[in-house]
Amino acid sequence: METGMFKTFDVVAIRLDGAPEAVRASSALLSDSERERAGRFASDRDRRRYIVARATLRQLLGARLDVRAGEIELVYGFYGKPALGQRFADSGLHFNVSHCDGLAVYAFSWAREIGVDVEAVRWFVDADDVAARFFSQRENAAYAGLDPLDRPLGFFNCWTRKEAFIKALGDGLNRPLDAFDVSLAPNEPAKILRVENTPGESCGWSVDSFVPARGFVAAVVTENHDH
C-alpha cells in the first residue's frame, strides 16, 4: 500500500490481487448488499478484486472517522457517486474511488468535493478516434501536436483529468466532455484550462496528476474553497 499527501487531499493506492486468506478476511467487512453484488461476478478474479476494494474503502474511511470498518454506511447519488450514510454525513469527509487492472486508487478530502480516476497507459488502435469524439477542440489540437511516442500518455492524461472532474461534480456524463478543457502534454503541469465560458483559474476546481504505480497515471480533482 502506498499513501501520499497532495495539498488538501489524501490519496491511497493498493494492489487488489491478494492472497485467499486476505480475501476471506476482507469479505467479512462487507455489507450484505456488497456480498450479494460480489456473488454476481462471473469472474473469480473480478469478484476477489471487488471484495478487497470495498473492504479497503471501509477500512480507510473507518480510520479517518475513528470507527470500525463495519460501522461505515455508504449511499449513492443519482449518478452513482458514493458518499457516507446518514450517521457520518455531517463529518465533512468526502471520498472517491477508481480502479483499473488490479490497482485501486482512493482519494479523501475534508469539506471539499473530490473525484479520482486511474488508467493504465497503453497504446490502442482507436485512440485518435476516441480523442476526436470526446476531447474538446483545444484538447484535440494539443493531442494532435504531440510526438507520436508521447500520445499514449497525453491521451490518458486528458482522459483521467476529465473523468476525475466529472466524478468530482457528481453529475455523471450530464456535462458534455467537450464543455471544459484540461492540459494533457506530458511536459506540462496538470491544469483545468476552461469550464464552459469560465477560465480555469476562476472555475473553482483544481486538478493534480500523479503516477500511483509503474505504467499507470491518475488524476484527482478537488473543489477550491477560495472561489
Foldseek 3Di string as FASTA:
>chain_A
DDWDDDPQKIKDKDFQDDDPVLLVVLQVLDDPVQVVVLVPDPDPRVSSSSSSVLSVVLVVVCVVVVHHSNVWDWDADPLGQIDTDDVCNVVQKEKEWEDDDRMIMIMIGGNKQKFKYKDFQDDDDCLLVVCVVQEAPVLNVLLVPDDPVQNSQLSVQFVQQLRGVCSSVRPHCPDGNRQWHWGRGPVDFTFTQDHNPRGRVPPQKGKHKDDPDPRMIMMMMIGHPVD
